[in-house]
Amino acid sequence: MNVERLEATARALVPPGKGILAADESHPSIGRRFEPLGIPNTEETRRRYRQMLLTTPSAAEYLSGVILFDETIRQKADDGTPLVEVLTRQGIIPGIKVDRGAKALAGAPGEQVTEGLDGLRERLAEYTALGARFAKWRAVIAIGPGLPTDRAIQVNAHALARYAALCQEAGVVPIVEPEVLMDGDHTIERCFEATEATLHAVFHALHAQRVSLEGMLLKPNMVLSGKECARQAGIPEVAVATVGCLRRTVPAAVPGVVFLSGGQSEEQATAHLNAMNVPGTSYPWALSFSYGRALQAAALRAWRGDPTRLAAGQQAFSHRARMNGAARRGRYTPDLERAIA
């Protein structure tokens, strides 16, 4: 394991003004986004859609990396250039989703554990040969009556740590993603408690598996009110709670925290990130983004699977990437959103 190389890659993924695009949706997940717009969920449509995103002219100004799906890392652009090479030519680092999804945790109603450790060492070797330099594994933690249980937190933390250790063995930077879900009517205080417990368990497991913290990134949820909560916390409250939770749980050795958007609207995700990065604040880790829907939704609506709307889709994608790049520096404002739109 070359720790210096891992650390250099991890830091290259969290520079000022840039973040990570999560374009790693599974076939069913992307199908759910295509269906309302009447877009057929075929391999070719998925290829054309992701090609649209990855060839956006200004992408490299705001993106440091892109998380790809197994299908996408093997695909080529219209001119025959591998999509991985399309990224590397722009100075964007290719990554890969390596987990195989969350499944019901036996004997634990309402809770899940992410699978995919079997054969992971071999898959990482293949993905490295295909050009991936970082990877992602997502665990999901639900809040509800009696949930999350300590058992669910511990088994997911253990899986995340084993995945991270295998990544570093392969020379790949692991993005560790423990997501406490927004689903439910819980308060922001309850989300704080569940997130704090989860992150404590994750970093304990990472230490036990001898993972180099300098050569990894954390991809957590923000601390938010549940979607159905009667009182929705405001932007400043979310920022204070999220940073407070990170200060209690995330070691300073971790180079960066790249938040997931987790069901927030596009503008909410941007505003919350911006509120954590206001000029004058200082943290031991970079605070950036690794958004999926919050970067893609507007582009997908503009494109709609129509080749004649390629420029419209890329313009919408460029706009959202630019807004989040501004938020990464604490320079996002609603006026900027409207002026550029």
C-alpha atoms as a PDB file:
ATOM      1  CA  MET A   1       0.000   0.000   0.000  1.00  0.00           C
ATOM      2  CA  ASN A   2       1.473   3.323  -1.128  1.00  0.00           C
ATOM      3  CA  VAL A   3       0.060   5.705   1.477  1.00  0.00           C
ATOM      4  CA  GLU A   4       1.573   8.786  -0.162  1.00  0.00           C
ATOM      5  CA  ARG A   5      -0.111   7.977  -3.476  1.00  0.00           C
ATOM      6  CA  LEU A   6      -3.458   7.306  -1.800  1.00  0.00           C
ATOM      7  CA  GLU A   7      -3.248  10.578   0.117  1.00  0.00           C
ATOM      8  CA  ALA A   8      -2.346  12.507  -3.041  1.00  0.00           C
ATOM      9  CA  THR A   9      -5.378  11.093  -4.863  1.00  0.00           C
ATOM     10  CA  ALA A  10      -7.686  11.749  -1.909  1.00  0.00           C
ATOM     11  CA  ARG A  11      -6.572  15.368  -1.719  1.00  0.00           C
ATOM     12  CA  ALA A  12      -6.873  15.769  -5.491  1.00  0.00           C
ATOM     13  CA  LEU A  13     -10.559  14.877  -5.137  1.00  0.00           C
ATOM     14  CA  VAL A  14     -11.290  17.762  -2.732  1.00  0.00           C
ATOM     15  CA  PRO A  15      -9.628  20.898  -4.164  1.00  0.00           C
ATOM     16  CA  PRO A  16     -11.226  24.327  -3.679  1.00  0.00           C
ATOM     17  CA  GLY A  17     -14.176  24.940  -5.993  1.00  0.00           C
ATOM     18  CA  LYS A  18     -14.620  21.345  -7.128  1.00  0.00           C
ATOM     19  CA  GLY A  19     -16.494  18.199  -6.099  1.00  0.00           C
ATOM     20  CA  ILE A  20     -17.499  14.747  -7.273  1.00  0.00           C
ATOM     21  CA  LEU A  21     -20.331  13.702  -9.585  1.00  0.00           C
ATOM     22  CA  ALA A  22     -22.027  10.463  -8.507  1.00  0.00           C
ATOM     23  CA  ALA A  23     -23.116   8.914 -11.831  1.00  0.00           C
ATOM     24  CA  ASP A  24     -23.202   5.370 -10.484  1.00  0.00           C
ATOM     25  CA  GLU A  25     -26.934   4.615 -10.465  1.00  0.00           C
ATOM     26  CA  SER A  26     -27.883   0.966 -10.951  1.00  0.00           C
ATOM     27  CA  HIS A  27     -30.144   0.032 -13.866  1.00  0.00           C
ATOM     28  CA  PRO A  28     -33.324   0.064 -11.726  1.00  0.00           C
ATOM     29  CA  SER A  29     -32.372   3.375 -10.070  1.00  0.00           C
ATOM     30  CA  ILE A  30     -31.708   5.220 -13.308  1.00  0.00           C
ATOM     31  CA  GLY A  31     -34.837   3.640 -14.778  1.00  0.00           C
ATOM     32  CA  ARG A  32     -36.922   5.296 -12.064  1.00  0.00           C
ATOM     33  CA  ARG A  33     -35.516   8.652 -13.143  1.00  0.00           C
ATOM     34  CA  PHE A  34     -36.005   7.976 -16.855  1.00  0.00           C
ATOM     35  CA  GLU A  35     -39.571   6.682 -16.624  1.00  0.00           C
ATOM     36  CA  PRO A  36     -41.412   9.948 -15.746  1.00  0.00           C
ATOM     37  CA  LEU A  37     -39.743  11.607 -18.746  1.00  0.00           C
ATOM     38  CA  GLY A  38     -40.575   8.777 -21.144  1.00  0.00           C
ATOM     39  CA  ILE A  39     -36.920   7.844 -21.669  1.00  0.00           C
ATOM     40  CA  PRO A  40     -36.323   4.143 -22.433  1.00  0.00           C
ATOM     41  CA  ASN A  41     -34.008   2.444 -19.947  1.00  0.00           C
ATOM     42  CA  THR A  42     -31.650   0.728 -22.398  1.00  0.00           C
ATOM     43  CA  GLU A  43     -27.878   0.319 -22.371  1.00  0.00           C
ATOM     44  CA  GLU A  44     -27.530   2.733 -25.282  1.00  0.00           C
ATOM     45  CA  THR A  45     -29.725   5.386 -23.678  1.00  0.00           C
ATOM     46  CA  ARG A  46     -27.781   5.127 -20.447  1.00  0.00           C
ATOM     47  CA  ARG A  47     -24.535   5.462 -22.405  1.00  0.00           C
ATOM     48  CA  ARG A  48     -25.749   8.542 -24.282  1.00  0.00           C
ATOM     49  CA  TYR A  49     -27.016  10.141 -21.097  1.00  0.00           C
ATOM     50  CA  ARG A  50     -23.751   9.686 -19.219  1.00  0.00           C
ATOM     51  CA  GLN A  51     -21.761  10.721 -22.258  1.00  0.00           C
ATOM     52  CA  MET A  52     -23.755  13.973 -22.265  1.00  0.00           C
ATOM     53  CA  LEU A  53     -22.743  14.646 -18.662  1.00  0.00           C
ATOM     54  CA  LEU A  54     -19.090  13.655 -19.023  1.00  0.00           C
ATOM     55  CA  THR A  55     -18.517  15.664 -22.203  1.00  0.00           C
ATOM     56  CA  THR A  56     -20.002  18.905 -20.885  1.00  0.00           C
ATOM     57  CA  PRO A  57     -17.379  21.499 -21.920  1.00  0.00           C
ATOM     58  CA  SER A  58     -17.045  23.151 -18.500  1.00  0.00           C
ATOM     59  CA  ALA A  59     -17.161  19.942 -16.443  1.00  0.00           C
ATOM     60  CA  ALA A  60     -13.510  20.010 -15.430  1.00  0.00           C
ATOM     61  CA  GLU A  61     -13.896  23.491 -13.935  1.00  0.00           C
ATOM     62  CA  TYR A  62     -16.168  22.167 -11.192  1.00  0.00           C
ATOM     63  CA  LEU A  63     -15.617  18.386 -11.041  1.00  0.00           C
ATOM     64  CA  SER A  64     -12.579  16.665  -9.549  1.00  0.00           C
ATOM     65  CA  GLY A  65     -13.923  13.142  -9.995  1.00  0.00           C
ATOM     66  CA  VAL A  66     -16.825  11.023 -11.248  1.00  0.00           C
ATOM     67  CA  ILE A  67     -18.141   7.813  -9.681  1.00  0.00           C
ATOM     68  CA  LEU A  68     -19.054   5.401 -12.481  1.00  0.00           C
ATOM     69  CA  PHE A  69     -21.209   2.271 -12.601  1.00  0.00           C
ATOM     70  CA  ASP A  70     -19.818  -1.099 -13.738  1.00  0.00           C
ATOM     71  CA  GLU A  71     -21.507  -0.722 -17.135  1.00  0.00           C
ATOM     72  CA  THR A  72     -20.275   2.836 -17.687  1.00  0.00           C
ATOM     73  CA  ILE A  73     -16.604   2.217 -16.898  1.00  0.00           C
ATOM     74  CA  ARG A  74     -16.562  -0.215 -19.842  1.00  0.00           C
ATOM     75  CA  GLN A  75     -18.378   2.029 -22.337  1.00  0.00           C
ATOM     76  CA  LYS A  76     -17.077   4.324 -25.064  1.00  0.00           C
ATOM     77  CA  ALA A  77     -18.102   7.712 -26.423  1.00  0.00           C
ATOM     78  CA  ASP A  78     -19.525   8.084 -29.930  1.00  0.00           C
ATOM     79  CA  ASP A  79     -16.018   8.524 -31.366  1.00  0.00           C
ATOM     80  CA  GLY A  80     -14.774   5.296 -29.785  1.00  0.00           C
ATOM     81  CA  THR A  81     -12.921   6.937 -26.877  1.00  0.00           C
ATOM     82  CA  PRO A  82     -13.412   5.037 -23.603  1.00  0.00           C
ATOM     83  CA  LEU A  83     -15.464   7.164 -21.210  1.00  0.00           C
ATOM     84  CA  VAL A  84     -12.712   6.749 -18.614  1.00  0.00           C
ATOM     85  CA  GLU A  85     -10.308   8.386 -21.066  1.00  0.00           C
ATOM     86  CA  VAL A  86     -12.838  11.157 -21.741  1.00  0.00           C
ATOM     87  CA  LEU A  87     -12.534  11.992 -18.041  1.00  0.00           C
ATOM     88  CA  THR A  88      -8.774  11.634 -17.661  1.00  0.00           C
ATOM     89  CA  ARG A  89      -8.108  13.865 -20.666  1.00  0.00           C
ATOM     90  CA  GLN A  90      -9.959  16.613 -18.784  1.00  0.00           C
ATOM     91  CA  GLY A  91      -8.050  15.991 -15.569  1.00  0.00           C
ATOM     92  CA  ILE A  92     -11.105  14.425 -13.900  1.00  0.00           C
ATOM     93  CA  ILE A  93     -10.391  11.338 -11.779  1.00  0.00           C
ATOM     94  CA  PRO A  94     -12.458   8.216 -12.601  1.00  0.00           C
ATOM     95  CA  GLY A  95     -14.003   6.256  -9.740  1.00  0.00           C
ATOM     96  CA  ILE A  96     -16.227   3.192  -9.446  1.00  0.00           C
ATOM     97  CA  LYS A  97     -19.109   1.986  -7.285  1.00  0.00           C
ATOM     98  CA  VAL A  98     -18.177  -1.466  -5.968  1.00  0.00           C
ATOM     99  CA  ASP A  99     -20.941  -2.438  -3.540  1.00  0.00           C
ATOM    100  CA  ARG A 100     -23.794  -4.676  -4.693  1.00  0.00           C
ATOM    101  CA  GLY A 101     -26.617  -2.944  -2.938  1.00  0.00           C
ATOM    102  CA  ALA A 102     -28.342  -2.954   0.425  1.00  0.00           C
ATOM    103  CA  LYS A 103     -30.327  -6.065   1.351  1.00  0.00           C
ATOM    104  CA  ALA A 104     -32.560  -6.881   4.299  1.00  0.00           C
ATOM    105  CA  LEU A 105     -30.557  -7.598   7.441  1.00  0.00           C
ATOM    106  CA  ALA A 106     -31.594 -11.014   8.749  1.00  0.00           C
ATOM    107  CA  GLY A 107     -33.532 -10.822  11.994  1.00  0.00           C
ATOM    108  CA  ALA A 108     -33.704  -7.042  11.911  1.00  0.00           C
ATOM    109  CA  PRO A 109     -37.004  -5.798  10.445  1.00  0.00           C
ATOM    110  CA  GLY A 110     -36.671  -2.443   8.703  1.00  0.00           C
ATOM    111  CA  GLU A 111     -32.875  -2.503   8.574  1.00  0.00           C
ATOM    112  CA  GLN A 112     -30.396  -3.356   5.819  1.00  0.00           C
ATOM    113  CA  VAL A 113     -26.796  -4.364   5.259  1.00  0.00           C
ATOM    114  CA  THR A 114     -24.811  -3.718   2.098  1.00  0.00           C
ATOM    115  CA  GLU A 115     -23.411  -6.732   0.264  1.00  0.00           C
ATOM    116  CA  GLY A 116     -20.519  -7.149  -2.154  1.00  0.00           C
ATOM    117  CA  LEU A 117     -17.406  -8.144  -0.201  1.00  0.00           C
ATOM    118  CA  ASP A 118     -17.180 -11.548  -1.896  1.00  0.00           C
ATOM    119  CA  GLY A 119     -14.859 -11.250  -4.872  1.00  0.00           C
ATOM    120  CA  LEU A 120     -14.148  -7.577  -4.167  1.00  0.00           C
ATOM    121  CA  ARG A 121     -10.357  -7.984  -4.278  1.00  0.00           C
ATOM    122  CA  GLU A 122     -10.590  -9.375  -7.811  1.00  0.00           C
ATOM    123  CA  ARG A 123     -13.092  -6.740  -8.948  1.00  0.00           C
ATOM    124  CA  LEU A 124     -10.855  -3.972  -7.645  1.00  0.00           C
ATOM    125  CA  ALA A 125      -7.938  -5.349  -9.655  1.00  0.00           C
ATOM    126  CA  GLU A 126     -10.106  -5.297 -12.788  1.00  0.00           C
ATOM    127  CA  TYR A 127     -11.418  -1.791 -12.139  1.00  0.00           C
ATOM    128  CA  THR A 128      -7.886  -0.516 -11.523  1.00  0.00           C
ATOM    129  CA  ALA A 129      -6.857  -1.929 -14.886  1.00  0.00           C
ATOM    130  CA  LEU A 130      -9.828  -0.099 -16.437  1.00  0.00           C
ATOM    131  CA  GLY A 131      -8.598   3.200 -14.968  1.00  0.00           C
ATOM    132  CA  ALA A 132     -10.439   3.646 -11.648  1.00  0.00           C
ATOM    133  CA  ARG A 133      -8.449   5.457  -8.962  1.00  0.00           C
ATOM    134  CA  PHE A 134     -11.086   5.627  -6.248  1.00  0.00           C
ATOM    135  CA  ALA A 135     -14.171   3.636  -5.240  1.00  0.00           C
ATOM    136  CA  LYS A 136     -17.416   3.993  -3.318  1.00  0.00           C
ATOM    137  CA  TRP A 137     -19.431   1.743  -0.996  1.00  0.00           C
ATOM    138  CA  ARG A 138     -22.771   2.907   0.440  1.00  0.00           C
ATOM    139  CA  ALA A 139     -24.386   1.704   3.661  1.00  0.00           C
ATOM    140  CA  VAL A 140     -27.869   2.814   4.688  1.00  0.00           C
ATOM    141  CA  ILE A 141     -29.059   3.454   8.232  1.00  0.00           C
ATOM    142  CA  ALA A 142     -32.781   3.959   8.847  1.00  0.00           C
ATOM    143  CA  ILE A 143     -34.344   6.025  11.632  1.00  0.00           C
ATOM    144  CA  GLY A 144     -37.656   4.853  13.075  1.00  0.00           C
ATOM    145  CA  PRO A 145     -39.250   3.449  16.225  1.00  0.00           C
ATOM    146  CA  GLY A 146     -36.393   1.579  17.882  1.00  0.00           C
ATOM    147  CA  LEU A 147     -34.143   2.224  14.872  1.00  0.00           C
ATOM    148  CA  PRO A 148     -31.315   2.263  14.172  1.00  0.00           C
ATOM    149  CA  THR A 149     -30.224  -0.672  16.289  1.00  0.00           C
ATOM    150  CA  ASP A 150     -26.633  -0.974  17.405  1.00  0.00           C
ATOM    151  CA  ARG A 151     -26.431  -4.241  15.505  1.00  0.00           C
ATOM    152  CA  ALA A 152     -27.297  -2.644  12.161  1.00  0.00           C
ATOM    153  CA  ILE A 153     -24.798   0.151  12.737  1.00  0.00           C
ATOM    154  CA  GLN A 154     -22.042  -2.287  13.681  1.00  0.00           C
ATOM    155  CA  VAL A 155     -22.469  -4.708  10.775  1.00  0.00           C
ATOM    156  CA  ASN A 156     -22.533  -1.884   8.241  1.00  0.00           C
ATOM    157  CA  ALA A 157     -19.503  -0.220   9.842  1.00  0.00           C
ATOM    158  CA  HIS A 158     -17.617  -3.512   9.671  1.00  0.00           C
ATOM    159  CA  ALA A 159     -18.461  -3.983   5.986  1.00  0.00           C
ATOM    160  CA  LEU A 160     -17.421  -0.403   5.164  1.00  0.00           C
ATOM    161  CA  ALA A 161     -14.095  -0.907   6.932  1.00  0.00           C
ATOM    162  CA  ARG A 162     -13.349  -4.212   5.193  1.00  0.00           C
ATOM    163  CA  TYR A 163     -14.168  -2.626   1.842  1.00  0.00           C
ATOM    164  CA  ALA A 164     -11.880   0.328   2.608  1.00  0.00           C
ATOM    165  CA  ALA A 165      -8.993  -1.936   3.573  1.00  0.00           C
ATOM    166  CA  LEU A 166      -9.317  -3.918   0.333  1.00  0.00           C
ATOM    167  CA  CYS A 167      -9.408  -0.691  -1.683  1.00  0.00           C
ATOM    168  CA  GLN A 168      -6.210   0.598  -0.136  1.00  0.00           C
ATOM    169  CA  GLU A 169      -4.518  -2.756  -0.665  1.00  0.00           C
ATOM    170  CA  ALA A 170      -5.340  -2.318  -4.378  1.00  0.00           C
ATOM    171  CA  GLY A 171      -4.051   1.271  -4.460  1.00  0.00           C
ATOM    172  CA  VAL A 172      -7.586   2.687  -4.717  1.00  0.00           C
ATOM    173  CA  VAL A 173      -8.894   5.512  -2.512  1.00  0.00           C
ATOM    174  CA  PRO A 174     -12.067   4.391  -0.707  1.00  0.00           C
ATOM    175  CA  ILE A 175     -14.993   6.745  -0.316  1.00  0.00           C
ATOM    176  CA  VAL A 176     -16.782   5.516   2.803  1.00  0.00           C
ATOM    177  CA  GLU A 177     -20.500   6.309   2.610  1.00  0.00           C
ATOM    178  CA  PRO A 178     -22.630   5.682   5.712  1.00  0.00           C
ATOM    179  CA  GLU A 179     -25.976   7.308   4.894  1.00  0.00           C
ATOM    180  CA  VAL A 180     -28.484   7.996   7.653  1.00  0.00           C
ATOM    181  CA  LEU A 181     -31.678   8.263   5.643  1.00  0.00           C
ATOM    182  CA  MET A 182     -34.005  11.286   5.567  1.00  0.00           C
ATOM    183  CA  ASP A 183     -37.090   9.049   5.373  1.00  0.00           C
ATOM    184  CA  GLY A 184     -39.409   9.536   8.337  1.00  0.00           C
ATOM    185  CA  ASP A 185     -40.764  12.212  10.642  1.00  0.00           C
ATOM    186  CA  HIS A 186     -37.767  12.400  12.966  1.00  0.00           C
ATOM    187  CA  THR A 187     -36.346  15.699  14.188  1.00  0.00           C
ATOM    188  CA  ILE A 188     -32.939  17.102  13.329  1.00  0.00           C
ATOM    189  CA  GLU A 189     -31.883  16.223  16.894  1.00  0.00           C
ATOM    190  CA  ARG A 190     -32.727  12.566  16.281  1.00  0.00           C
ATOM    191  CA  CYS A 191     -30.776  12.636  13.018  1.00  0.00           C
ATOM    192  CA  PHE A 192     -27.804  14.074  14.909  1.00  0.00           C
ATOM    193  CA  GLU A 193     -27.917  11.216  17.432  1.00  0.00           C
ATOM    194  CA  ALA A 194     -28.105   8.517  14.754  1.00  0.00           C
ATOM    195  CA  THR A 195     -25.407  10.113  12.614  1.00  0.00           C
ATOM    196  CA  GLU A 196     -23.068  10.553  15.572  1.00  0.00           C
ATOM    197  CA  ALA A 197     -23.494   6.916  16.627  1.00  0.00           C
ATOM    198  CA  THR A 198     -22.949   5.724  13.067  1.00  0.00           C
ATOM    199  CA  LEU A 199     -19.805   7.755  12.458  1.00  0.00           C
ATOM    200  CA  HIS A 200     -18.299   6.716  15.801  1.00  0.00           C
ATOM    201  CA  ALA A 201     -18.810   3.058  14.845  1.00  0.00           C
ATOM    202  CA  VAL A 202     -17.442   3.561  11.330  1.00  0.00           C
ATOM    203  CA  PHE A 203     -14.189   5.148  12.459  1.00  0.00           C
ATOM    204  CA  HIS A 204     -13.725   2.547  15.193  1.00  0.00           C
ATOM    205  CA  ALA A 205     -14.090  -0.171  12.533  1.00  0.00           C
ATOM    206  CA  LEU A 206     -11.730   1.624  10.134  1.00  0.00           C
ATOM    207  CA  HIS A 207      -9.101   1.743  12.858  1.00  0.00           C
ATOM    208  CA  ALA A 208      -9.592  -1.955  13.604  1.00  0.00           C
ATOM    209  CA  GLN A 209      -9.093  -2.803   9.910  1.00  0.00           C
ATOM    210  CA  ARG A 210      -5.916  -0.660   9.733  1.00  0.00           C
ATOM    211  CA  VAL A 211      -7.288   1.731   7.151  1.00  0.00           C
ATOM    212  CA  SER A 212      -5.105   4.771   6.517  1.00  0.00           C
ATOM    213  CA  LEU A 213      -7.333   7.762   7.244  1.00  0.00           C
ATOM    214  CA  GLU A 214      -5.101  10.011   5.148  1.00  0.00           C
ATOM    215  CA  GLY A 215      -5.907   7.918   2.078  1.00  0.00           C
ATOM    216  CA  MET A 216      -9.717   7.890   2.249  1.00  0.00           C
ATOM    217  CA  LEU A 217     -12.710  10.235   2.032  1.00  0.00           C
ATOM    218  CA  LEU A 218     -15.949  10.242   4.026  1.00  0.00           C
ATOM    219  CA  LYS A 219     -19.302  10.627   2.245  1.00  0.00           C
ATOM    220  CA  PRO A 220     -21.928  11.183   4.956  1.00  0.00           C
ATOM    221  CA  ASN A 221     -25.416  12.581   5.057  1.00  0.00           C
ATOM    222  CA  MET A 222     -25.967  16.093   6.315  1.00  0.00           C
ATOM    223  CA  VAL A 223     -27.779  16.349   9.645  1.00  0.00           C
ATOM    224  CA  LEU A 224     -31.350  17.143   8.580  1.00  0.00           C
ATOM    225  CA  SER A 225     -34.944  16.919   9.713  1.00  0.00           C
ATOM    226  CA  GLY A 226     -36.796  13.869   8.407  1.00  0.00           C
ATOM    227  CA  LYS A 227     -38.791  14.483   5.234  1.00  0.00           C
ATOM    228  CA  GLU A 228     -42.101  14.187   7.105  1.00  0.00           C
ATOM    229  CA  CYS A 229     -41.041  16.132  10.200  1.00  0.00           C
ATOM    230  CA  ALA A 230     -43.457  18.949  11.039  1.00  0.00           C
ATOM    231  CA  ARG A 231     -40.564  21.329  11.712  1.00  0.00           C
ATOM    232  CA  GLN A 232     -37.960  21.530   8.998  1.00  0.00           C
ATOM    233  CA  ALA A 233     -34.636  22.875  10.209  1.00  0.00           C
ATOM    234  CA  GLY A 234     -33.382  25.973   8.407  1.00  0.00           C
ATOM    235  CA  ILE A 235     -30.156  26.303   6.465  1.00  0.00           C
ATOM    236  CA  PRO A 236     -28.030  27.752   9.318  1.00  0.00           C
ATOM    237  CA  GLU A 237     -29.302  25.100  11.744  1.00  0.00           C
ATOM    238  CA  VAL A 238     -28.421  22.281   9.347  1.00  0.00           C
ATOM    239  CA  ALA A 239     -24.937  23.707   8.843  1.00  0.00           C
ATOM    240  CA  VAL A 240     -24.268  24.067  12.580  1.00  0.00           C
ATOM    241  CA  ALA A 241     -25.614  20.601  13.417  1.00  0.00           C
ATOM    242  CA  THR A 242     -23.719  18.902  10.608  1.00  0.00           C
ATOM    243  CA  VAL A 243     -20.374  20.504  11.385  1.00  0.00           C
ATOM    244  CA  GLY A 244     -20.915  19.882  15.093  1.00  0.00           C
ATOM    245  CA  CYS A 245     -21.511  16.201  14.460  1.00  0.00           C
ATOM    246  CA  LEU A 246     -18.401  15.937  12.273  1.00  0.00           C
ATOM    247  CA  ARG A 247     -16.258  17.635  14.913  1.00  0.00           C
ATOM    248  CA  ARG A 248     -17.326  14.990  17.447  1.00  0.00           C
ATOM    249  CA  THR A 249     -16.628  12.013  15.214  1.00  0.00           C
ATOM    250  CA  VAL A 250     -14.297  12.575  12.223  1.00  0.00           C
ATOM    251  CA  PRO A 251     -10.540  12.510  12.850  1.00  0.00           C
ATOM    252  CA  ALA A 252      -8.495  15.408  11.511  1.00  0.00           C
ATOM    253  CA  ALA A 253      -6.392  12.979   9.453  1.00  0.00           C
ATOM    254  CA  VAL A 254      -9.254  12.505   6.961  1.00  0.00           C
ATOM    255  CA  PRO A 255      -8.522  14.828   3.993  1.00  0.00           C
ATOM    256  CA  GLY A 256     -12.109  15.534   3.042  1.00  0.00           C
ATOM    257  CA  VAL A 257     -15.822  15.099   3.613  1.00  0.00           C
ATOM    258  CA  VAL A 258     -17.859  14.881   0.394  1.00  0.00           C
ATOM    259  CA  PHE A 259     -21.530  15.093   1.312  1.00  0.00           C
ATOM    260  CA  LEU A 260     -24.290  13.142  -0.395  1.00  0.00           C
ATOM    261  CA  SER A 261     -27.423  15.083  -1.267  1.00  0.00           C
ATOM    262  CA  GLY A 262     -29.698  12.355   0.107  1.00  0.00           C
ATOM    263  CA  GLY A 263     -33.088  13.460  -1.144  1.00  0.00           C
ATOM    264  CA  GLN A 264     -32.593  17.195  -0.741  1.00  0.00           C
ATOM    265  CA  SER A 265     -33.679  19.476  -3.570  1.00  0.00           C
ATOM    266  CA  GLU A 266     -30.955  20.755  -5.857  1.00  0.00           C
ATOM    267  CA  GLU A 267     -30.905  24.238  -4.357  1.00  0.00           C
ATOM    268  CA  GLN A 268     -31.176  22.991  -0.766  1.00  0.00           C
ATOM    269  CA  ALA A 269     -28.120  20.779  -1.177  1.00  0.00           C
ATOM    270  CA  THR A 270     -26.168  23.714  -2.593  1.00  0.00           C
ATOM    271  CA  ALA A 271     -27.312  26.170   0.086  1.00  0.00           C
ATOM    272  CA  HIS A 272     -26.506  23.796   2.947  1.00  0.00           C
ATOM    273  CA  LEU A 273     -22.996  23.139   1.601  1.00  0.00           C
ATOM    274  CA  ASN A 274     -22.450  26.860   1.154  1.00  0.00           C
ATOM    275  CA  ALA A 275     -23.487  27.597   4.744  1.00  0.00           C
ATOM    276  CA  MET A 276     -20.745  25.280   5.996  1.00  0.00           C
ATOM    277  CA  ASN A 277     -18.092  26.948   3.858  1.00  0.00           C
ATOM    278  CA  VAL A 278     -18.684  30.615   4.641  1.00  0.00           C
ATOM    279  CA  PRO A 279     -15.462  32.656   4.417  1.00  0.00           C
ATOM    280  CA  GLY A 280     -13.579  32.691   7.696  1.00  0.00           C
ATOM    281  CA  THR A 281     -14.531  29.151   8.745  1.00  0.00           C
ATOM    282  CA  SER A 282     -11.767  26.613   9.245  1.00  0.00           C
ATOM    283  CA  TYR A 283     -11.970  22.833   9.531  1.00  0.00           C
ATOM    284  CA  PRO A 284      -9.373  20.057   9.622  1.00  0.00           C
ATOM    285  CA  TRP A 285     -11.011  18.494   6.548  1.00  0.00           C
ATOM    286  CA  ALA A 286     -12.236  19.947   3.243  1.00  0.00           C
ATOM    287  CA  LEU A 287     -16.045  20.083   3.011  1.00  0.00           C
ATOM    288  CA  SER A 288     -17.171  19.294  -0.535  1.00  0.00           C
ATOM    289  CA  PHE A 289     -19.892  17.471  -2.468  1.00  0.00           C
ATOM    290  CA  SER A 290     -20.477  14.106  -4.116  1.00  0.00           C
ATOM    291  CA  TYR A 291     -23.976  14.626  -5.468  1.00  0.00           C
ATOM    292  CA  GLY A 292     -26.074  12.463  -7.765  1.00  0.00           C
ATOM    293  CA  ARG A 293     -29.600  13.757  -8.267  1.00  0.00           C
ATOM    294  CA  ALA A 294     -28.709  17.224  -6.984  1.00  0.00           C
ATOM    295  CA  LEU A 295     -26.308  17.598  -9.922  1.00  0.00           C
ATOM    296  CA  GLN A 296     -28.202  15.607 -12.540  1.00  0.00           C
ATOM    297  CA  ALA A 297     -31.929  16.262 -12.136  1.00  0.00           C
ATOM    298  CA  ALA A 298     -32.072  19.553 -14.060  1.00  0.00           C
ATOM    299  CA  ALA A 299     -29.849  18.169 -16.837  1.00  0.00           C
ATOM    300  CA  LEU A 300     -32.052  15.101 -17.216  1.00  0.00           C
ATOM    301  CA  ARG A 301     -35.199  17.222 -17.438  1.00  0.00           C
ATOM    302  CA  ALA A 302     -33.588  19.445 -20.069  1.00  0.00           C
ATOM    303  CA  TRP A 303     -32.227  16.542 -22.146  1.00  0.00           C
ATOM    304  CA  ARG A 304     -35.215  14.150 -22.013  1.00  0.00           C
ATOM    305  CA  GLY A 305     -33.402  11.607 -24.172  1.00  0.00           C
ATOM    306  CA  ASP A 306     -33.638  13.866 -27.232  1.00  0.00           C
ATOM    307  CA  PRO A 307     -30.346  14.169 -29.207  1.00  0.00           C
ATOM    308  CA  THR A 308     -31.384  17.652 -30.351  1.00  0.00           C
ATOM    309  CA  ARG A 309     -31.508  18.771 -26.705  1.00  0.00           C
ATOM    310  CA  LEU A 310     -27.909  17.809 -25.925  1.00  0.00           C
ATOM    311  CA  ALA A 311     -26.793  21.433 -25.506  1.00  0.00           C
ATOM    312  CA  ALA A 312     -29.742  22.186 -23.200  1.00  0.00           C
ATOM    313  CA  GLY A 313     -28.883  19.208 -21.011  1.00  0.00           C
ATOM    314  CA  GLN A 314     -25.224  20.181 -20.811  1.00  0.00           C
ATOM    315  CA  GLN A 315     -26.084  23.784 -20.025  1.00  0.00           C
ATOM    316  CA  ALA A 316     -28.315  22.699 -17.134  1.00  0.00           C
ATOM    317  CA  PHE A 317     -25.624  20.343 -15.835  1.00  0.00           C
ATOM    318  CA  SER A 318     -22.931  23.021 -16.107  1.00  0.00           C
ATOM    319  CA  HIS A 319     -25.131  25.438 -14.168  1.00  0.00           C
ATOM    320  CA  ARG A 320     -25.646  23.091 -11.223  1.00  0.00           C
ATOM    321  CA  ALA A 321     -21.984  22.090 -11.157  1.00  0.00           C
ATOM    322  CA  ARG A 322     -21.018  25.758 -11.120  1.00  0.00           C
ATOM    323  CA  MET A 323     -23.418  26.522  -8.263  1.00  0.00           C
ATOM    324  CA  ASN A 324     -21.955  23.730  -6.157  1.00  0.00           C
ATOM    325  CA  GLY A 325     -18.427  24.784  -7.049  1.00  0.00           C
ATOM    326  CA  ALA A 326     -19.330  28.223  -5.695  1.00  0.00           C
ATOM    327  CA  ALA A 327     -20.807  26.638  -2.545  1.00  0.00           C
ATOM    328  CA  ARG A 328     -17.570  24.705  -2.053  1.00  0.00           C
ATOM    329  CA  ARG A 329     -15.897  28.118  -1.685  1.00  0.00           C
ATOM    330  CA  GLY A 330     -18.757  29.691   0.323  1.00  0.00           C
ATOM    331  CA  ARG A 331     -19.642  32.002  -2.576  1.00  0.00           C
ATOM    332  CA  TYR A 332     -23.094  30.752  -3.527  1.00  0.00           C
ATOM    333  CA  THR A 333     -26.066  33.114  -3.270  1.00  0.00           C
ATOM    334  CA  PRO A 334     -29.665  32.979  -4.544  1.00  0.00           C
ATOM    335  CA  ASP A 335     -28.820  36.054  -6.628  1.00  0.00           C
ATOM    336  CA  LEU A 336     -26.001  34.116  -8.294  1.00  0.00           C
ATOM    337  CA  GLU A 337     -28.414  31.261  -8.958  1.00  0.00           C
ATOM    338  CA  ARG A 338     -30.890  33.577 -10.688  1.00  0.00           C
ATOM    339  CA  ALA A 339     -28.314  35.697 -12.522  1.00  0.00           C
ATOM    340  CA  ILE A 340     -26.617  32.742 -14.179  1.00  0.00           C
ATOM    341  CA  ALA A 341     -29.869  30.865 -14.825  1.00  0.00           C
END
